[in-house]
Amino acid sequence: MIRLACVLVLMSLVAVVLLALETTGPNAIVFSFVGAPLLAAGVAVYVFQRWREGAFRAPQPSPQTQMRKEF
């Protein structure tokens, strides 16, 4: 899933580079309707995968840490 997110973001960067090289109306439309949604999808896939891995949860104390607090 992380690789899919990277591919989506890299594809969106193609639209950004195209727009930076030649700022025309059609290139701006390509960035607006293709590049920006690809970037949003890539970020969403990345955040969803990290959420599934538990990256946004508070760390749970280990049993050894709790034993030290009791003494």
N, C-alpha and C. Protein backbone atom coordinates (compact mmCIF):
# COMPACT_ATOMS: atom_id res chain seq x y z
N MET A 1 0.82 -1.20 0.00
CA MET A 1 0.00 0.00 0.00
C MET A 1 0.86 1.26 0.00
N ILE A 2 1.97 1.21 0.72
CA ILE A 2 2.86 2.37 0.76
C ILE A 2 3.44 2.61 -0.63
N ARG A 3 3.76 1.55 -1.33
CA ARG A 3 4.29 1.71 -2.70
C ARG A 3 3.24 2.31 -3.62
N LEU A 4 1.99 1.92 -3.45
CA LEU A 4 0.92 2.51 -4.25
C LEU A 4 0.83 4.01 -3.97
N ALA A 5 0.93 4.39 -2.72
CA ALA A 5 0.90 5.81 -2.36
C ALA A 5 2.06 6.55 -3.01
N CYS A 6 3.23 5.95 -3.01
CA CYS A 6 4.40 6.59 -3.64
C CYS A 6 4.20 6.75 -5.13
N VAL A 7 3.64 5.75 -5.78
CA VAL A 7 3.39 5.83 -7.23
C VAL A 7 2.39 6.93 -7.53
N LEU A 8 1.34 7.04 -6.74
CA LEU A 8 0.34 8.08 -6.96
C LEU A 8 0.95 9.47 -6.81
N VAL A 9 1.77 9.65 -5.80
CA VAL A 9 2.40 10.96 -5.59
C VAL A 9 3.39 11.27 -6.71
N LEU A 10 4.15 10.27 -7.15
CA LEU A 10 5.07 10.51 -8.25
C LEU A 10 4.33 10.84 -9.55
N MET A 11 3.18 10.21 -9.77
CA MET A 11 2.39 10.54 -10.95
C MET A 11 1.86 11.97 -10.87
N SER A 12 1.53 12.42 -9.68
CA SER A 12 1.06 13.80 -9.54
C SER A 12 2.20 14.78 -9.78
N LEU A 13 3.43 14.38 -9.44
CA LEU A 13 4.58 15.26 -9.68
C LEU A 13 4.85 15.45 -11.17
N VAL A 14 4.46 14.49 -11.98
CA VAL A 14 4.60 14.64 -13.44
C VAL A 14 3.77 15.83 -13.90
N ALA A 15 2.57 15.94 -13.39
CA ALA A 15 1.71 17.07 -13.75
C ALA A 15 2.29 18.39 -13.25
N VAL A 16 2.92 18.38 -12.10
CA VAL A 16 3.53 19.61 -11.57
C VAL A 16 4.72 20.03 -12.43
N VAL A 17 5.54 19.07 -12.81
CA VAL A 17 6.69 19.38 -13.66
C VAL A 17 6.22 19.88 -15.02
N LEU A 18 5.21 19.25 -15.57
CA LEU A 18 4.65 19.69 -16.85
C LEU A 18 4.16 21.13 -16.76
N LEU A 19 3.51 21.46 -15.68
CA LEU A 19 3.03 22.82 -15.48
C LEU A 19 4.18 23.80 -15.27
N ALA A 20 5.21 23.37 -14.56
CA ALA A 20 6.34 24.26 -14.29
C ALA A 20 7.15 24.55 -15.56
N LEU A 21 7.23 23.56 -16.43
CA LEU A 21 7.99 23.75 -17.66
C LEU A 21 7.28 24.66 -18.66
N GLU A 22 5.99 24.52 -18.72
CA GLU A 22 5.23 25.33 -19.67
C GLU A 22 3.88 25.69 -19.04
N THR A 23 3.78 26.92 -18.59
CA THR A 23 2.55 27.34 -17.91
C THR A 23 1.52 27.80 -18.94
N THR A 24 0.70 26.87 -19.33
CA THR A 24 -0.39 27.16 -20.26
C THR A 24 -1.69 26.71 -19.63
N GLY A 25 -2.77 27.09 -20.24
CA GLY A 25 -4.09 26.72 -19.73
C GLY A 25 -4.32 25.22 -19.68
N PRO A 26 -4.03 24.50 -20.77
CA PRO A 26 -4.23 23.05 -20.73
C PRO A 26 -3.39 22.34 -19.67
N ASN A 27 -2.17 22.81 -19.47
CA ASN A 27 -1.33 22.19 -18.43
C ASN A 27 -1.88 22.48 -17.03
N ALA A 28 -2.43 23.66 -16.85
CA ALA A 28 -3.04 23.99 -15.56
C ALA A 28 -4.27 23.12 -15.32
N ILE A 29 -5.02 22.86 -16.37
CA ILE A 29 -6.20 21.99 -16.24
C ILE A 29 -5.77 20.57 -15.91
N VAL A 30 -4.70 20.10 -16.54
CA VAL A 30 -4.19 18.75 -16.24
C VAL A 30 -3.77 18.67 -14.78
N PHE A 31 -3.09 19.69 -14.29
CA PHE A 31 -2.69 19.68 -12.88
C PHE A 31 -3.92 19.72 -11.97
N SER A 32 -4.90 20.57 -12.31
CA SER A 32 -6.06 20.72 -11.44
C SER A 32 -6.92 19.47 -11.38
N PHE A 33 -7.11 18.81 -12.52
CA PHE A 33 -8.04 17.68 -12.57
C PHE A 33 -7.37 16.32 -12.53
N VAL A 34 -6.06 16.27 -12.68
CA VAL A 34 -5.35 14.99 -12.62
C VAL A 34 -4.30 15.00 -11.50
N GLY A 35 -3.44 16.01 -11.50
CA GLY A 35 -2.33 16.05 -10.54
C GLY A 35 -2.77 16.19 -9.09
N ALA A 36 -3.64 17.14 -8.83
CA ALA A 36 -4.08 17.37 -7.45
C ALA A 36 -4.88 16.19 -6.89
N PRO A 37 -5.81 15.59 -7.65
CA PRO A 37 -6.49 14.40 -7.11
C PRO A 37 -5.56 13.21 -6.89
N LEU A 38 -4.56 13.05 -7.77
CA LEU A 38 -3.59 11.97 -7.56
C LEU A 38 -2.80 12.20 -6.28
N LEU A 39 -2.41 13.44 -6.04
CA LEU A 39 -1.68 13.76 -4.81
C LEU A 39 -2.55 13.50 -3.59
N ALA A 40 -3.80 13.92 -3.63
CA ALA A 40 -4.71 13.69 -2.50
C ALA A 40 -4.93 12.20 -2.28
N ALA A 41 -5.07 11.44 -3.36
CA ALA A 41 -5.26 9.99 -3.22
C ALA A 41 -4.02 9.33 -2.64
N GLY A 42 -2.84 9.76 -3.08
CA GLY A 42 -1.61 9.20 -2.54
C GLY A 42 -1.45 9.47 -1.06
N VAL A 43 -1.73 10.68 -0.64
CA VAL A 43 -1.63 11.03 0.78
C VAL A 43 -2.68 10.26 1.58
N ALA A 44 -3.88 10.12 1.04
CA ALA A 44 -4.94 9.39 1.74
C ALA A 44 -4.58 7.91 1.90
N VAL A 45 -4.04 7.30 0.86
CA VAL A 45 -3.63 5.89 0.95
C VAL A 45 -2.52 5.73 1.98
N TYR A 46 -1.56 6.65 1.99
CA TYR A 46 -0.46 6.58 2.95
C TYR A 46 -0.96 6.71 4.38
N VAL A 47 -1.82 7.68 4.63
CA VAL A 47 -2.34 7.89 5.98
C VAL A 47 -3.18 6.69 6.41
N PHE A 48 -3.99 6.14 5.50
CA PHE A 48 -4.81 4.97 5.84
C PHE A 48 -3.93 3.78 6.20
N GLN A 49 -2.88 3.55 5.44
CA GLN A 49 -2.00 2.42 5.73
C GLN A 49 -1.28 2.62 7.06
N ARG A 50 -0.79 3.81 7.33
CA ARG A 50 -0.13 4.07 8.61
C ARG A 50 -1.11 3.93 9.77
N TRP A 51 -2.38 4.30 9.56
CA TRP A 51 -3.39 4.15 10.59
C TRP A 51 -3.64 2.67 10.88
N ARG A 52 -3.67 1.86 9.80
CA ARG A 52 -3.85 0.41 9.98
C ARG A 52 -2.67 -0.21 10.72
N GLU A 53 -1.48 0.33 10.54
CA GLU A 53 -0.29 -0.19 11.23
C GLU A 53 -0.23 0.26 12.68
N GLY A 54 -1.09 1.19 13.08
CA GLY A 54 -1.12 1.63 14.46
C GLY A 54 -0.20 2.79 14.76
N ALA A 55 0.14 3.56 13.76
CA ALA A 55 1.10 4.65 13.97
C ALA A 55 0.50 5.82 14.74
N PHE A 56 -0.80 5.92 14.83
CA PHE A 56 -1.42 7.07 15.46
C PHE A 56 -1.98 6.74 16.85
N ARG A 57 -1.63 5.59 17.39
CA ARG A 57 -2.05 5.23 18.73
C ARG A 57 -0.98 5.61 19.73
N ALA A 58 -1.40 5.86 20.94
CA ALA A 58 -0.45 6.16 22.01
C ALA A 58 0.32 4.88 22.34
N PRO A 59 1.60 4.98 22.61
CA PRO A 59 2.37 3.77 22.92
C PRO A 59 1.89 3.15 24.23
N GLN A 60 1.77 1.83 24.23
CA GLN A 60 1.34 1.12 25.41
C GLN A 60 2.57 0.79 26.25
N PRO A 61 2.50 0.99 27.55
CA PRO A 61 3.65 0.65 28.40
C PRO A 61 3.86 -0.86 28.44
N SER A 62 5.11 -1.26 28.48
CA SER A 62 5.42 -2.68 28.53
C SER A 62 5.15 -3.20 29.95
N PRO A 63 4.97 -4.50 30.09
CA PRO A 63 4.74 -5.06 31.44
C PRO A 63 5.92 -4.79 32.38
N GLN A 64 7.14 -4.77 31.87
CA GLN A 64 8.29 -4.50 32.72
C GLN A 64 8.25 -3.08 33.27
N THR A 65 7.80 -2.14 32.47
CA THR A 65 7.70 -0.76 32.92
C THR A 65 6.67 -0.64 34.05
N GLN A 66 5.55 -1.34 33.90
CA GLN A 66 4.53 -1.26 34.95
C GLN A 66 5.02 -1.93 36.23
N MET A 67 5.82 -2.99 36.13
CA MET A 67 6.34 -3.63 37.33
C MET A 67 7.29 -2.69 38.07
N ARG A 68 8.06 -1.89 37.36
CA ARG A 68 8.99 -0.96 37.99
C ARG A 68 8.23 0.12 38.74
N LYS A 69 7.10 0.53 38.22
CA LYS A 69 6.33 1.57 38.88
C LYS A 69 5.71 1.09 40.20
N GLU A 70 5.43 -0.22 40.28
CA GLU A 70 4.82 -0.75 41.49
C GLU A 70 5.79 -0.77 42.66
N PHE A 71 7.07 -0.91 42.36
CA PHE A 71 8.05 -1.01 43.44
C PHE A 71 8.44 0.34 43.84
